[in-house]
Amino acid sequence: MFSVKRFMGTVTTFLMLFSVSAFAVDDAVNTGRFNDTAIDGYDTVAYFTQNKPVEGNKVHQVKWRDANWYFSSEENKTLFTAEPEKYAPQYGGWCAYAMSKGDTARIDPDAFDISNGKLYLNYNKNVQEIWLEEKLSHIEKADDLYPKETNVKTFE
């Protein structure tokens, strides 16, 4: 027999489980939905040393902040391991513009900017143009919102 109370309880339980486990950002590093690879597997050090996105390789990987970071060379892996905060993208690799608006968004590895020695990634080139127009204001807003907008605690 159909019970509205039982049905609503089932729906409520389903929504709680589904929304919390499937959509919650469970750490403040931008990883894939079904993996723990940071910034789509791109070498974060290469942005600084080659001024371009370079795909990393699993052979040269480091686990940091509950994410796997891939590097294109052992040298880049060593640089990152020595100073991860220097090379890690701001806002855990989430789109910097989205973070300034209190949201998270995936990134396009080609939409990047290095400013004052910090790496900022964006959703795409169009969003990057908007980001660059008022970059300092966006940085200030995003700095205030990260990491709380990713629903996690501050790092060590």
C-alpha atoms as a PDB file:
ATOM      1  CA  MET A   1       0.000   0.000   0.000  1.00  0.00           C
ATOM      2  CA  PHE A   2       1.279   3.479  -0.908  1.00  0.00           C
ATOM      3  CA  SER A   3       2.296   5.615   2.051  1.00  0.00           C
ATOM      4  CA  VAL A   4       2.992   9.309   1.528  1.00  0.00           C
ATOM      5  CA  LYS A   5       5.008   9.439   4.742  1.00  0.00           C
ATOM      6  CA  ARG A   6       7.189   6.493   3.688  1.00  0.00           C
ATOM      7  CA  PHE A   7       7.577   7.903   0.176  1.00  0.00           C
ATOM      8  CA  MET A   8       8.639  11.336   1.491  1.00  0.00           C
ATOM      9  CA  GLY A   9      11.085   9.697   3.887  1.00  0.00           C
ATOM     10  CA  THR A  10      12.637   7.725   1.051  1.00  0.00           C
ATOM     11  CA  VAL A  11      12.856  10.785  -1.177  1.00  0.00           C
ATOM     12  CA  THR A  12      14.388  12.871   1.618  1.00  0.00           C
ATOM     13  CA  THR A  13      16.976  10.192   2.398  1.00  0.00           C
ATOM     14  CA  PHE A  14      17.831   9.801  -1.279  1.00  0.00           C
ATOM     15  CA  LEU A  15      18.244  13.545  -1.784  1.00  0.00           C
ATOM     16  CA  MET A  16      20.427  13.895   1.285  1.00  0.00           C
ATOM     17  CA  LEU A  17      22.704  11.051   0.267  1.00  0.00           C
ATOM     18  CA  PHE A  18      22.793  11.981  -3.388  1.00  0.00           C
ATOM     19  CA  SER A  19      23.392  15.678  -2.894  1.00  0.00           C
ATOM     20  CA  VAL A  20      25.990  15.300  -0.153  1.00  0.00           C
ATOM     21  CA  SER A  21      28.041  12.472  -1.605  1.00  0.00           C
ATOM     22  CA  ALA A  22      27.672  13.047  -5.323  1.00  0.00           C
ATOM     23  CA  PHE A  23      27.866  16.805  -5.565  1.00  0.00           C
ATOM     24  CA  ALA A  24      29.774  17.976  -2.504  1.00  0.00           C
ATOM     25  CA  VAL A  25      33.270  19.147  -3.196  1.00  0.00           C
ATOM     26  CA  ASP A  26      35.070  16.805  -0.847  1.00  0.00           C
ATOM     27  CA  ASP A  27      38.376  18.611  -0.891  1.00  0.00           C
ATOM     28  CA  ALA A  28      39.549  22.010  -1.916  1.00  0.00           C
ATOM     29  CA  VAL A  29      41.591  20.839  -4.886  1.00  0.00           C
ATOM     30  CA  ASN A  30      39.983  20.743  -8.314  1.00  0.00           C
ATOM     31  CA  THR A  31      39.982  17.058  -9.212  1.00  0.00           C
ATOM     32  CA  GLY A  32      37.942  15.074 -11.658  1.00  0.00           C
ATOM     33  CA  ARG A  33      34.519  13.838 -10.636  1.00  0.00           C
ATOM     34  CA  PHE A  34      35.620  10.227 -10.720  1.00  0.00           C
ATOM     35  CA  ASN A  35      39.298  10.513  -9.853  1.00  0.00           C
ATOM     36  CA  ASP A  36      41.693  12.390  -7.614  1.00  0.00           C
ATOM     37  CA  THR A  37      43.839  14.010 -10.311  1.00  0.00           C
ATOM     38  CA  ALA A  38      44.549  17.694  -9.740  1.00  0.00           C
ATOM     39  CA  ILE A  39      43.938  20.245 -12.510  1.00  0.00           C
ATOM     40  CA  ASP A  40      43.097  17.671 -15.170  1.00  0.00           C
ATOM     41  CA  GLY A  41      46.574  16.121 -14.971  1.00  0.00           C
ATOM     42  CA  TYR A  42      48.443  19.202 -16.140  1.00  0.00           C
ATOM     43  CA  ASP A  43      51.896  20.043 -14.788  1.00  0.00           C
ATOM     44  CA  THR A  44      51.440  23.070 -12.540  1.00  0.00           C
ATOM     45  CA  VAL A  45      55.188  23.775 -12.486  1.00  0.00           C
ATOM     46  CA  ALA A  46      55.324  23.984 -16.299  1.00  0.00           C
ATOM     47  CA  TYR A  47      53.073  27.038 -16.220  1.00  0.00           C
ATOM     48  CA  PHE A  48      55.919  28.820 -14.435  1.00  0.00           C
ATOM     49  CA  THR A  49      58.904  27.283 -16.205  1.00  0.00           C
ATOM     50  CA  GLN A  50      57.526  27.049 -19.770  1.00  0.00           C
ATOM     51  CA  ASN A  51      54.709  29.617 -19.597  1.00  0.00           C
ATOM     52  CA  LYS A  52      52.257  27.164 -21.102  1.00  0.00           C
ATOM     53  CA  PRO A  53      50.106  24.194 -20.132  1.00  0.00           C
ATOM     54  CA  VAL A  54      51.946  20.895 -20.372  1.00  0.00           C
ATOM     55  CA  GLU A  55      50.325  17.551 -19.682  1.00  0.00           C
ATOM     56  CA  GLY A  56      51.778  15.692 -16.757  1.00  0.00           C
ATOM     57  CA  ASN A  57      52.572  12.006 -16.591  1.00  0.00           C
ATOM     58  CA  LYS A  58      51.569   9.472 -13.924  1.00  0.00           C
ATOM     59  CA  VAL A  59      55.214   8.395 -13.791  1.00  0.00           C
ATOM     60  CA  HIS A  60      55.994  11.736 -12.140  1.00  0.00           C
ATOM     61  CA  GLN A  61      53.259  12.177  -9.576  1.00  0.00           C
ATOM     62  CA  VAL A  62      52.947  13.455  -6.031  1.00  0.00           C
ATOM     63  CA  LYS A  63      50.079  13.110  -3.587  1.00  0.00           C
ATOM     64  CA  TRP A  64      49.385  16.516  -1.994  1.00  0.00           C
ATOM     65  CA  ARG A  65      46.196  17.770  -0.345  1.00  0.00           C
ATOM     66  CA  ASP A  66      44.431  14.500  -1.092  1.00  0.00           C
ATOM     67  CA  ALA A  67      45.014  14.874  -4.829  1.00  0.00           C
ATOM     68  CA  ASN A  68      47.464  13.398  -7.325  1.00  0.00           C
ATOM     69  CA  TRP A  69      49.541  16.037  -9.073  1.00  0.00           C
ATOM     70  CA  TYR A  70      51.168  14.980 -12.346  1.00  0.00           C
ATOM     71  CA  PHE A  71      54.359  16.462 -13.747  1.00  0.00           C
ATOM     72  CA  SER A  72      56.022  16.302 -17.132  1.00  0.00           C
ATOM     73  CA  SER A  73      59.458  15.632 -15.642  1.00  0.00           C
ATOM     74  CA  GLU A  74      61.161  14.468 -12.486  1.00  0.00           C
ATOM     75  CA  GLU A  75      62.697  17.938 -12.206  1.00  0.00           C
ATOM     76  CA  ASN A  76      59.257  19.598 -12.075  1.00  0.00           C
ATOM     77  CA  LYS A  77      58.083  17.034  -9.549  1.00  0.00           C
ATOM     78  CA  THR A  78      61.094  17.876  -7.368  1.00  0.00           C
ATOM     79  CA  LEU A  79      60.438  21.618  -7.634  1.00  0.00           C
ATOM     80  CA  PHE A  80      56.818  21.122  -6.613  1.00  0.00           C
ATOM     81  CA  THR A  81      57.668  18.787  -3.739  1.00  0.00           C
ATOM     82  CA  ALA A  82      60.116  21.349  -2.331  1.00  0.00           C
ATOM     83  CA  GLU A  83      57.617  24.257  -2.510  1.00  0.00           C
ATOM     84  CA  PRO A  84      54.081  23.138  -3.344  1.00  0.00           C
ATOM     85  CA  GLU A  85      52.493  26.418  -2.231  1.00  0.00           C
ATOM     86  CA  LYS A  86      54.696  28.299  -4.702  1.00  0.00           C
ATOM     87  CA  TYR A  87      53.558  26.260  -7.698  1.00  0.00           C
ATOM     88  CA  ALA A  88      50.021  25.166  -6.844  1.00  0.00           C
ATOM     89  CA  PRO A  89      47.330  27.175  -8.603  1.00  0.00           C
ATOM     90  CA  GLN A  90      45.263  29.527  -6.510  1.00  0.00           C
ATOM     91  CA  TYR A  91      41.898  28.361  -5.176  1.00  0.00           C
ATOM     92  CA  GLY A  92      42.857  24.710  -5.491  1.00  0.00           C
ATOM     93  CA  GLY A  93      42.886  24.980  -9.271  1.00  0.00           C
ATOM     94  CA  TRP A  94      39.219  25.965  -9.522  1.00  0.00           C
ATOM     95  CA  CYS A  95      38.302  28.732 -11.940  1.00  0.00           C
ATOM     96  CA  ALA A  96      39.508  31.941 -10.302  1.00  0.00           C
ATOM     97  CA  TYR A  97      36.666  34.012 -11.735  1.00  0.00           C
ATOM     98  CA  ALA A  98      34.013  31.561 -10.515  1.00  0.00           C
ATOM     99  CA  MET A  99      35.593  31.593  -7.058  1.00  0.00           C
ATOM    100  CA  SER A 100      35.378  35.402  -7.007  1.00  0.00           C
ATOM    101  CA  LYS A 101      31.627  34.982  -7.533  1.00  0.00           C
ATOM    102  CA  GLY A 102      31.319  32.427  -4.735  1.00  0.00           C
ATOM    103  CA  ASP A 103      31.206  29.383  -6.972  1.00  0.00           C
ATOM    104  CA  THR A 104      33.432  26.629  -8.317  1.00  0.00           C
ATOM    105  CA  ALA A 105      33.931  25.716 -11.952  1.00  0.00           C
ATOM    106  CA  ARG A 106      36.185  23.430 -13.948  1.00  0.00           C
ATOM    107  CA  ILE A 107      39.085  24.923 -15.897  1.00  0.00           C
ATOM    108  CA  ASP A 108      40.511  25.083 -19.378  1.00  0.00           C
ATOM    109  CA  PRO A 109      44.267  24.458 -19.004  1.00  0.00           C
ATOM    110  CA  ASP A 110      44.930  27.049 -21.737  1.00  0.00           C
ATOM    111  CA  ALA A 111      43.113  29.810 -19.814  1.00  0.00           C
ATOM    112  CA  PHE A 112      45.763  30.757 -17.270  1.00  0.00           C
ATOM    113  CA  ASP A 113      47.441  33.828 -15.858  1.00  0.00           C
ATOM    114  CA  ILE A 114      50.483  34.208 -13.643  1.00  0.00           C
ATOM    115  CA  SER A 115      50.337  37.344 -11.556  1.00  0.00           C
ATOM    116  CA  ASN A 116      52.651  38.281  -8.687  1.00  0.00           C
ATOM    117  CA  GLY A 117      54.135  34.794  -8.791  1.00  0.00           C
ATOM    118  CA  LYS A 118      50.746  33.070  -8.463  1.00  0.00           C
ATOM    119  CA  LEU A 119      48.952  30.871 -10.968  1.00  0.00           C
ATOM    120  CA  TYR A 120      45.280  31.555 -11.718  1.00  0.00           C
ATOM    121  CA  LEU A 121      43.212  29.241 -13.913  1.00  0.00           C
ATOM    122  CA  ASN A 122      39.906  30.028 -15.604  1.00  0.00           C
ATOM    123  CA  TYR A 123      36.971  28.151 -17.082  1.00  0.00           C
ATOM    124  CA  ASN A 124      37.777  29.247 -20.640  1.00  0.00           C
ATOM    125  CA  LYS A 125      39.378  32.100 -22.606  1.00  0.00           C
ATOM    126  CA  ASN A 126      36.176  34.201 -22.593  1.00  0.00           C
ATOM    127  CA  VAL A 127      35.916  33.984 -18.821  1.00  0.00           C
ATOM    128  CA  GLN A 128      39.622  34.750 -18.584  1.00  0.00           C
ATOM    129  CA  GLU A 129      39.060  38.021 -20.465  1.00  0.00           C
ATOM    130  CA  ILE A 130      36.445  39.034 -17.889  1.00  0.00           C
ATOM    131  CA  TRP A 131      38.799  37.952 -15.094  1.00  0.00           C
ATOM    132  CA  LEU A 132      41.659  40.046 -16.467  1.00  0.00           C
ATOM    133  CA  GLU A 133      39.534  43.213 -16.813  1.00  0.00           C
ATOM    134  CA  GLU A 134      39.258  43.562 -13.029  1.00  0.00           C
ATOM    135  CA  LYS A 135      41.783  41.008 -11.873  1.00  0.00           C
ATOM    136  CA  LEU A 136      42.752  42.667  -8.585  1.00  0.00           C
ATOM    137  CA  SER A 137      39.139  43.029  -7.502  1.00  0.00           C
ATOM    138  CA  HIS A 138      38.398  39.419  -8.454  1.00  0.00           C
ATOM    139  CA  ILE A 139      41.472  38.191  -6.563  1.00  0.00           C
ATOM    140  CA  GLU A 140      40.424  40.071  -3.436  1.00  0.00           C
ATOM    141  CA  LYS A 141      36.920  38.569  -3.565  1.00  0.00           C
ATOM    142  CA  ALA A 142      38.154  35.050  -4.325  1.00  0.00           C
ATOM    143  CA  ASP A 143      40.749  35.228  -1.531  1.00  0.00           C
ATOM    144  CA  ASP A 144      37.919  35.970   0.898  1.00  0.00           C
ATOM    145  CA  LEU A 145      35.809  33.058  -0.344  1.00  0.00           C
ATOM    146  CA  TYR A 146      38.347  30.249  -0.707  1.00  0.00           C
ATOM    147  CA  PRO A 147      38.275  27.571   0.695  1.00  0.00           C
ATOM    148  CA  LYS A 148      34.891  28.034   2.381  1.00  0.00           C
ATOM    149  CA  GLU A 149      33.114  28.051  -0.983  1.00  0.00           C
ATOM    150  CA  THR A 150      34.444  24.555  -1.594  1.00  0.00           C
ATOM    151  CA  ASN A 151      32.766  23.322   1.619  1.00  0.00           C
ATOM    152  CA  VAL A 152      35.980  22.225   3.294  1.00  0.00           C
ATOM    153  CA  LYS A 153      38.162  23.179   6.199  1.00  0.00           C
ATOM    154  CA  THR A 154      41.272  25.287   5.798  1.00  0.00           C
ATOM    155  CA  PHE A 155      44.431  23.312   5.027  1.00  0.00           C
ATOM    156  CA  GLU A 156      47.208  22.484   7.445  1.00  0.00           C
END
